[in-house]
Amino acid sequence: MIEFQYFDGCPNASATLNNLKELVKLGEVSNDDIKIVEVNDVEAAKELNFQGSPTILVDGIEIYTEKKPNSYAYSCRVYTIDGIQTGILTSEYILAKIKRIRG
């Protein structure tokens, strides 16, 4: 299961979700394998160990850290990828991480 977690109002969530959906169009990921979860408040973030918006979990493993989350944050995320800070995960990055986590 690929779980896309976000909260409304984060400017990078929709672009990252579109990049994940691009993988469906390319046949790399099944639409049935994607679950979209809106995290509405801090309590929900705590319950889910939400890492911030957007977050993608692959079989329970967070793709950026490659670990199962054990804390939570209710904020927009900024990632550092190849020395560049961004809030948007590219479809290439997402696919590479899915393949790495799933082996």
N, C-alpha and C. Protein backbone atom coordinates (compact mmCIF):
# COMPACT_ATOMS: atom_id res chain seq x y z
N MET A 1 0.83 -1.18 0.00
CA MET A 1 0.00 0.00 0.00
C MET A 1 0.88 1.25 0.00
N ILE A 2 0.54 2.18 -0.85
CA ILE A 2 1.21 3.47 -0.90
C ILE A 2 0.23 4.48 -0.33
N GLU A 3 0.59 5.07 0.80
CA GLU A 3 -0.29 6.02 1.47
C GLU A 3 0.25 7.42 1.30
N PHE A 4 -0.58 8.27 0.70
CA PHE A 4 -0.23 9.68 0.52
C PHE A 4 -0.95 10.46 1.61
N GLN A 5 -0.20 11.11 2.48
CA GLN A 5 -0.77 11.87 3.59
C GLN A 5 -0.49 13.36 3.36
N TYR A 6 -1.50 14.18 3.66
CA TYR A 6 -1.36 15.62 3.47
C TYR A 6 -2.37 16.35 4.34
N PHE A 7 -2.23 17.67 4.40
CA PHE A 7 -3.31 18.47 4.96
C PHE A 7 -3.63 19.61 4.00
N ASP A 8 -4.89 20.00 4.01
CA ASP A 8 -5.36 21.06 3.15
C ASP A 8 -4.64 22.35 3.51
N GLY A 9 -4.15 23.04 2.51
CA GLY A 9 -3.45 24.30 2.74
C GLY A 9 -1.96 24.21 2.52
N CYS A 10 -1.42 23.01 2.43
CA CYS A 10 0.00 22.86 2.13
C CYS A 10 0.19 23.03 0.62
N PRO A 11 0.97 24.01 0.18
CA PRO A 11 1.07 24.29 -1.24
C PRO A 11 1.76 23.20 -2.08
N ASN A 12 2.53 22.31 -1.44
CA ASN A 12 3.27 21.31 -2.19
C ASN A 12 2.56 19.96 -2.30
N ALA A 13 1.49 19.80 -1.57
CA ALA A 13 0.81 18.50 -1.54
C ALA A 13 0.23 18.13 -2.89
N SER A 14 -0.46 19.05 -3.55
CA SER A 14 -1.11 18.69 -4.82
C SER A 14 -0.09 18.37 -5.91
N ALA A 15 1.02 19.09 -5.95
CA ALA A 15 2.05 18.80 -6.96
C ALA A 15 2.68 17.43 -6.72
N THR A 16 2.93 17.09 -5.46
CA THR A 16 3.50 15.78 -5.15
C THR A 16 2.49 14.68 -5.46
N LEU A 17 1.23 14.90 -5.13
CA LEU A 17 0.19 13.91 -5.46
C LEU A 17 0.09 13.72 -6.96
N ASN A 18 0.16 14.80 -7.72
CA ASN A 18 0.13 14.68 -9.19
C ASN A 18 1.31 13.86 -9.69
N ASN A 19 2.48 14.03 -9.07
CA ASN A 19 3.66 13.24 -9.46
C ASN A 19 3.47 11.77 -9.13
N LEU A 20 2.82 11.47 -8.01
CA LEU A 20 2.51 10.08 -7.67
C LEU A 20 1.51 9.50 -8.68
N LYS A 21 0.50 10.28 -9.03
CA LYS A 21 -0.50 9.82 -10.00
C LYS A 21 0.10 9.63 -11.39
N GLU A 22 1.16 10.36 -11.70
CA GLU A 22 1.87 10.18 -12.97
C GLU A 22 2.41 8.76 -13.07
N LEU A 23 2.83 8.20 -11.95
CA LEU A 23 3.35 6.82 -11.94
C LEU A 23 2.25 5.82 -12.27
N VAL A 24 1.01 6.16 -11.93
CA VAL A 24 -0.13 5.31 -12.30
C VAL A 24 -0.30 5.35 -13.81
N LYS A 25 -0.26 6.56 -14.38
CA LYS A 25 -0.40 6.72 -15.83
C LYS A 25 0.68 5.97 -16.59
N LEU A 26 1.88 5.92 -16.01
CA LEU A 26 3.00 5.24 -16.66
C LEU A 26 2.98 3.73 -16.43
N GLY A 27 2.05 3.26 -15.61
CA GLY A 27 1.94 1.83 -15.35
C GLY A 27 2.92 1.33 -14.30
N GLU A 28 3.57 2.22 -13.59
CA GLU A 28 4.56 1.84 -12.57
C GLU A 28 3.90 1.49 -11.23
N VAL A 29 2.73 2.07 -10.99
CA VAL A 29 2.01 1.89 -9.73
C VAL A 29 0.54 1.67 -10.07
N SER A 30 -0.12 0.80 -9.32
CA SER A 30 -1.55 0.56 -9.51
C SER A 30 -2.34 1.60 -8.72
N ASN A 31 -3.37 2.15 -9.34
CA ASN A 31 -4.23 3.11 -8.64
C ASN A 31 -4.86 2.47 -7.40
N ASP A 32 -5.12 1.16 -7.47
CA ASP A 32 -5.70 0.44 -6.33
C ASP A 32 -4.73 0.34 -5.16
N ASP A 33 -3.45 0.58 -5.40
CA ASP A 33 -2.42 0.48 -4.38
C ASP A 33 -2.23 1.81 -3.63
N ILE A 34 -2.93 2.86 -4.07
CA ILE A 34 -2.77 4.19 -3.47
C ILE A 34 -3.94 4.52 -2.56
N LYS A 35 -3.59 4.98 -1.38
CA LYS A 35 -4.59 5.45 -0.41
C LYS A 35 -4.25 6.90 -0.08
N ILE A 36 -5.23 7.79 -0.23
CA ILE A 36 -5.02 9.21 0.05
C ILE A 36 -5.66 9.53 1.39
N VAL A 37 -4.87 10.09 2.29
CA VAL A 37 -5.33 10.37 3.65
C VAL A 37 -5.14 11.85 3.95
N GLU A 38 -6.25 12.55 4.21
CA GLU A 38 -6.16 13.94 4.64
C GLU A 38 -6.06 13.96 6.16
N VAL A 39 -5.04 14.64 6.65
CA VAL A 39 -4.81 14.76 8.09
C VAL A 39 -5.37 16.12 8.50
N ASN A 40 -6.48 16.09 9.27
CA ASN A 40 -7.23 17.32 9.52
C ASN A 40 -6.78 18.14 10.72
N ASP A 41 -6.05 17.53 11.65
CA ASP A 41 -5.67 18.28 12.85
C ASP A 41 -4.49 17.60 13.55
N VAL A 42 -4.02 18.24 14.61
CA VAL A 42 -2.85 17.75 15.34
C VAL A 42 -3.13 16.38 15.97
N GLU A 43 -4.34 16.18 16.45
CA GLU A 43 -4.67 14.87 17.05
C GLU A 43 -4.56 13.75 16.03
N ALA A 44 -5.05 13.98 14.81
CA ALA A 44 -4.92 12.98 13.75
C ALA A 44 -3.45 12.78 13.38
N ALA A 45 -2.69 13.86 13.35
CA ALA A 45 -1.26 13.77 13.05
C ALA A 45 -0.56 12.89 14.08
N LYS A 46 -0.89 13.09 15.33
CA LYS A 46 -0.29 12.30 16.41
C LYS A 46 -0.66 10.83 16.28
N GLU A 47 -1.93 10.56 16.00
CA GLU A 47 -2.42 9.19 15.87
C GLU A 47 -1.74 8.44 14.71
N LEU A 48 -1.49 9.16 13.62
CA LEU A 48 -0.90 8.55 12.42
C LEU A 48 0.63 8.59 12.39
N ASN A 49 1.26 9.26 13.37
CA ASN A 49 2.69 9.55 13.28
C ASN A 49 3.01 10.27 11.96
N PHE A 50 2.15 11.21 11.63
CA PHE A 50 2.24 12.02 10.41
C PHE A 50 3.54 12.82 10.44
N GLN A 51 4.27 12.79 9.34
CA GLN A 51 5.57 13.45 9.27
C GLN A 51 5.51 14.85 8.69
N GLY A 52 4.33 15.28 8.28
CA GLY A 52 4.17 16.59 7.66
C GLY A 52 3.65 16.42 6.25
N SER A 53 3.21 17.53 5.67
CA SER A 53 2.56 17.49 4.37
C SER A 53 3.51 17.96 3.27
N PRO A 54 3.67 17.15 2.24
CA PRO A 54 3.14 15.82 2.01
C PRO A 54 4.07 14.72 2.53
N THR A 55 3.48 13.60 2.86
CA THR A 55 4.23 12.41 3.26
C THR A 55 3.75 11.23 2.42
N ILE A 56 4.68 10.40 1.99
CA ILE A 56 4.32 9.17 1.28
C ILE A 56 4.91 7.99 2.06
N LEU A 57 4.03 7.05 2.40
CA LEU A 57 4.44 5.82 3.06
C LEU A 57 4.29 4.67 2.08
N VAL A 58 5.29 3.81 2.03
CA VAL A 58 5.22 2.60 1.21
C VAL A 58 5.27 1.42 2.17
N ASP A 59 4.15 0.71 2.25
CA ASP A 59 4.02 -0.42 3.18
C ASP A 59 4.43 -0.02 4.60
N GLY A 60 4.02 1.21 4.99
CA GLY A 60 4.29 1.71 6.34
C GLY A 60 5.62 2.40 6.53
N ILE A 61 6.46 2.40 5.49
CA ILE A 61 7.80 3.01 5.55
C ILE A 61 7.74 4.37 4.86
N GLU A 62 8.23 5.40 5.56
CA GLU A 62 8.25 6.75 5.00
C GLU A 62 9.36 6.82 3.95
N ILE A 63 9.03 7.29 2.74
CA ILE A 63 10.00 7.17 1.65
C ILE A 63 11.23 8.08 1.80
N TYR A 64 11.10 9.19 2.48
CA TYR A 64 12.25 10.09 2.60
C TYR A 64 13.27 9.54 3.60
N THR A 65 12.80 9.10 4.76
CA THR A 65 13.71 8.59 5.79
C THR A 65 13.98 7.10 5.66
N GLU A 66 13.11 6.41 4.91
CA GLU A 66 13.16 4.96 4.76
C GLU A 66 13.03 4.26 6.12
N LYS A 67 12.24 4.85 7.00
CA LYS A 67 11.97 4.29 8.32
C LYS A 67 10.48 4.39 8.62
N LYS A 68 10.02 3.54 9.54
CA LYS A 68 8.65 3.64 10.00
C LYS A 68 8.58 4.83 10.95
N PRO A 69 7.66 5.77 10.71
CA PRO A 69 7.58 6.96 11.57
C PRO A 69 7.26 6.61 13.02
N ASN A 70 7.92 7.30 13.96
CA ASN A 70 7.65 7.07 15.38
C ASN A 70 7.43 8.38 16.13
N SER A 71 7.23 9.46 15.38
CA SER A 71 6.92 10.76 15.95
C SER A 71 5.95 11.45 15.00
N TYR A 72 5.61 12.68 15.27
CA TYR A 72 4.69 13.36 14.36
C TYR A 72 5.04 14.85 14.23
N ALA A 73 4.57 15.42 13.13
CA ALA A 73 4.70 16.85 12.88
C ALA A 73 3.48 17.29 12.08
N TYR A 74 2.95 18.43 12.41
CA TYR A 74 1.81 18.96 11.66
C TYR A 74 2.25 20.27 11.01
N SER A 75 3.00 20.12 9.93
CA SER A 75 3.55 21.27 9.21
C SER A 75 3.80 20.88 7.76
N CYS A 76 4.05 21.88 6.94
CA CYS A 76 4.45 21.60 5.56
C CYS A 76 5.90 21.12 5.59
N ARG A 77 6.19 20.13 4.78
CA ARG A 77 7.53 19.55 4.77
C ARG A 77 8.44 20.24 3.77
N VAL A 78 9.71 20.24 4.12
CA VAL A 78 10.77 20.65 3.20
C VAL A 78 11.78 19.51 3.19
N TYR A 79 12.05 19.01 2.00
CA TYR A 79 13.00 17.91 1.82
C TYR A 79 14.31 18.46 1.27
N THR A 80 15.41 17.82 1.60
CA THR A 80 16.68 18.14 0.97
C THR A 80 17.07 16.93 0.12
N ILE A 81 17.03 17.13 -1.19
CA ILE A 81 17.33 16.06 -2.13
C ILE A 81 18.44 16.53 -3.05
N ASP A 82 19.53 15.78 -3.06
CA ASP A 82 20.71 16.14 -3.85
C ASP A 82 21.17 17.58 -3.55
N GLY A 83 21.12 17.95 -2.27
CA GLY A 83 21.58 19.25 -1.83
C GLY A 83 20.63 20.41 -2.09
N ILE A 84 19.45 20.11 -2.63
CA ILE A 84 18.48 21.16 -2.95
C ILE A 84 17.25 21.00 -2.07
N GLN A 85 16.79 22.11 -1.51
CA GLN A 85 15.59 22.06 -0.67
C GLN A 85 14.35 22.23 -1.54
N THR A 86 13.36 21.37 -1.28
CA THR A 86 12.10 21.40 -2.03
C THR A 86 10.98 20.85 -1.17
N GLY A 87 9.78 21.23 -1.48
CA GLY A 87 8.61 20.66 -0.81
C GLY A 87 7.90 19.67 -1.69
N ILE A 88 8.38 19.51 -2.92
CA ILE A 88 7.73 18.64 -3.90
C ILE A 88 8.62 17.46 -4.24
N LEU A 89 8.06 16.26 -4.12
CA LEU A 89 8.79 15.06 -4.52
C LEU A 89 8.46 14.75 -5.98
N THR A 90 9.49 14.53 -6.79
CA THR A 90 9.28 14.23 -8.20
C THR A 90 8.84 12.79 -8.39
N SER A 91 8.24 12.53 -9.53
CA SER A 91 7.80 11.16 -9.82
C SER A 91 9.01 10.22 -9.89
N GLU A 92 10.13 10.69 -10.39
CA GLU A 92 11.33 9.85 -10.46
C GLU A 92 11.83 9.48 -9.06
N TYR A 93 11.82 10.45 -8.17
CA TYR A 93 12.25 10.22 -6.79
C TYR A 93 11.31 9.22 -6.11
N ILE A 94 10.00 9.46 -6.26
CA ILE A 94 9.00 8.58 -5.65
C ILE A 94 9.17 7.15 -6.15
N LEU A 95 9.32 6.96 -7.46
CA LEU A 95 9.46 5.62 -8.02
C LEU A 95 10.74 4.95 -7.52
N ALA A 96 11.83 5.67 -7.50
CA ALA A 96 13.09 5.10 -7.03
C ALA A 96 12.95 4.62 -5.58
N LYS A 97 12.29 5.41 -4.75
CA LYS A 97 12.11 5.04 -3.34
C LYS A 97 11.17 3.85 -3.19
N ILE A 98 10.10 3.81 -3.99
CA ILE A 98 9.19 2.66 -3.94
C ILE A 98 9.96 1.39 -4.27
N LYS A 99 10.75 1.42 -5.33
CA LYS A 99 11.52 0.24 -5.74
C LYS A 99 12.54 -0.14 -4.67
N ARG A 100 13.16 0.84 -4.06
CA ARG A 100 14.16 0.56 -3.04
C ARG A 100 13.52 -0.08 -1.79
N ILE A 101 12.40 0.47 -1.36
CA ILE A 101 11.72 -0.05 -0.17
C ILE A 101 11.14 -1.43 -0.41
N ARG A 102 10.57 -1.63 -1.57
CA ARG A 102 9.94 -2.93 -1.87
C ARG A 102 10.95 -3.96 -2.35
N GLY A 103 12.14 -3.51 -2.66
CA GLY A 103 13.19 -4.45 -3.07
C GLY A 103 12.95 -4.98 -4.42
